Protein backbone atom coordinates (compact mmCIF):
# COMPACT_ATOMS: atom_id res chain seq x y z
CA MET A 1 -0.11 -0.27 -0.19
CA ILE A 2 1.22 3.61 -0.54
CA VAL A 3 0.93 6.45 1.88
CA CYS A 4 0.43 9.60 1.32
CA LEU A 5 0.57 12.77 3.60
CA LEU A 6 -1.14 16.22 1.98
CA ILE A 7 -0.08 18.87 3.91
CA ASP A 8 -2.56 21.94 2.55
CA ASP A 9 -4.66 24.12 4.27
CA ASP A 10 -7.06 24.01 1.94
CA GLN A 11 -10.27 21.94 2.57
CA ASP A 12 -11.09 21.91 -1.40
CA ASP A 13 -7.52 21.43 -2.82
CA GLN A 14 -7.60 18.23 -0.08
CA GLU A 15 -10.86 17.22 -1.50
CA ILE A 16 -9.65 17.21 -4.80
CA PHE A 17 -6.65 15.26 -4.18
CA SER A 18 -8.18 12.55 -2.29
CA MET A 19 -10.50 12.48 -5.45
CA ALA A 20 -7.29 12.01 -7.41
CA LEU A 21 -6.22 9.65 -5.74
CA GLU A 22 -8.80 7.81 -5.40
CA ASP A 23 -9.14 7.72 -9.47
CA ILE A 24 -5.22 6.38 -9.55
CA ASN A 25 -5.93 3.62 -7.00
CA ARG A 26 -7.97 2.91 -3.95
CA ASP A 27 -4.98 1.11 -1.84
CA ILE A 28 -3.25 4.45 -2.01
CA GLN A 29 -3.62 6.05 2.07
CA CYS A 30 -4.00 9.47 2.26
CA ILE A 31 -3.23 11.41 5.37
CA MET A 32 -4.18 15.11 5.81
CA ALA A 33 -2.63 17.96 7.85
CA SER A 34 -3.97 21.44 7.55
CA ASN A 35 -0.52 22.86 8.55
CA GLY A 36 3.06 21.92 9.06
CA ILE A 37 2.94 22.14 12.84
CA LEU A 38 0.18 19.47 12.61
CA ALA A 39 1.76 17.31 9.78
CA LEU A 40 5.14 17.76 12.12
CA GLU A 41 3.43 15.98 15.11
CA LYS A 42 1.89 12.73 12.83
CA LEU A 43 5.27 12.60 11.56
CA LYS A 44 7.61 12.99 15.38
CA ALA A 45 4.69 11.35 16.96
CA LYS A 46 5.28 7.81 19.21
CA LYS A 47 5.01 6.15 16.45
CA PRO A 48 5.19 8.29 13.63
CA LEU A 49 3.26 8.19 10.13
CA ILE A 50 5.77 7.34 7.78
CA PRO A 51 4.48 8.17 4.03
CA ASP A 52 5.55 6.59 0.86
CA TYR A 53 5.03 10.50 -0.71
CA ILE A 54 4.48 14.09 0.87
CA PHE A 55 3.16 16.92 -0.65
CA ILE A 56 3.26 20.61 1.21
CA ASP A 57 1.34 23.64 0.04
CA VAL A 58 3.40 26.37 -0.03
CA ASN A 59 1.23 29.30 1.34
CA MET A 60 -0.32 27.79 4.54
CA PRO A 61 -0.62 29.41 8.12
CA LYS A 62 1.29 28.87 11.14
CA MET A 63 4.43 27.17 9.26
CA ASN A 64 4.86 28.04 5.27
CA GLY A 65 5.72 24.82 3.01
CA ILE A 66 9.45 25.85 2.98
CA GLU A 67 9.59 25.68 7.06
CA CYS A 68 7.76 22.34 6.93
CA LEU A 69 10.09 21.14 4.10
CA GLN A 70 13.09 22.09 6.56
CA GLU A 71 11.57 20.10 9.04
CA ILE A 72 10.82 17.60 7.29
CA GLN A 73 14.36 17.11 6.18
CA LYS A 74 15.66 16.64 9.67
CA LEU A 75 13.38 13.30 9.92
CA ASP A 76 16.22 10.30 9.38
CA HIS A 77 12.73 8.23 9.44
CA LEU A 78 11.76 10.28 6.31
CA LYS A 79 14.65 9.73 4.09
CA HIS A 80 12.94 7.12 1.48
CA ALA A 81 9.92 9.72 0.97
CA ASP A 82 9.16 11.43 -1.80
CA VAL A 83 8.85 15.51 -0.97
CA PHE A 84 7.00 17.66 -3.78
CA MET A 85 5.81 21.07 -3.05
CA TYR A 86 2.33 21.15 -4.35
CA SER A 87 1.39 25.10 -5.03
CA THR A 88 -0.51 27.65 -7.24
CA SER A 89 2.36 29.62 -7.61
CA SER A 90 4.60 28.71 -9.92
CA ASP A 91 7.50 31.28 -9.03
CA GLU A 92 10.66 30.50 -10.19
CA LYS A 93 12.52 31.42 -7.09
CA MET A 94 10.32 29.04 -4.83
CA ILE A 95 10.99 26.16 -7.06
CA GLU A 96 14.78 26.41 -7.13
CA LYS A 97 14.61 26.86 -3.56
CA SER A 98 12.34 23.59 -3.01
CA LYS A 99 14.42 21.90 -4.85
CA ALA A 100 17.54 22.98 -3.11
CA LEU A 101 16.50 21.89 -0.13
CA GLY A 102 15.63 18.40 -1.23
CA ALA A 103 11.86 18.83 -2.75
CA LYS A 104 11.73 15.94 -5.74
CA ASP A 105 9.81 18.15 -7.51
CA PHE A 106 7.81 21.28 -7.34
CA ILE A 107 4.31 20.62 -8.61
CA VAL A 108 1.81 23.92 -9.91
CA LYS A 109 -2.09 22.61 -8.63
CA PRO A 110 -3.33 22.06 -12.11
CA PRO A 111 -6.77 23.20 -12.71
CA GLY A 112 -9.35 20.43 -12.22
CA LEU A 113 -9.25 17.19 -11.10
CA THR A 114 -8.48 15.09 -14.09
CA LEU A 115 -5.07 17.20 -14.91
CA LEU A 116 -4.17 16.77 -11.27
CA THR A 117 -4.72 12.75 -11.82
CA GLU A 118 -2.39 12.97 -14.73
CA LYS A 119 -0.05 14.60 -12.75
CA LEU A 120 0.06 12.48 -9.95
CA LEU A 121 0.05 8.98 -11.79
CA GLN A 122 3.15 10.62 -13.63
CA VAL A 123 4.12 10.90 -9.94
CA PHE A 124 4.03 7.60 -8.50
CA SER A 125 5.21 5.78 -12.33
CA LYS A 126 8.63 7.77 -11.89
CA ARG A 127 9.17 5.61 -8.62
CA ALA A 128 7.61 1.97 -9.58
CA GLY A 129 9.44 2.56 -12.77
């Protein structure tokens, strides 16, 4: 089973992401966290969450995506996880900074479920292939 963690404060984006994963494979488990602090609590718990994939929204309250990425990079039990920044922004400097800090890639949130499903299929097939 594939385990994903989506860190995103937007409820609608969480729902669309879940729907896209369901379209791909119903065996993908997706855990949601509405901000970086809650995500880190799950990742640092006594029995920590160990996802295969982590998707982090850039613009969130309390802890932004870059700060969250930096904290995740410090956790040894997540070294195998593929971490993606996931944002409506396509700012080149933000994309470069994210990759420099250890993000595998930067996904610009596509408009609509079909395009998101296609993008996530590409993400999952890269690891499998």
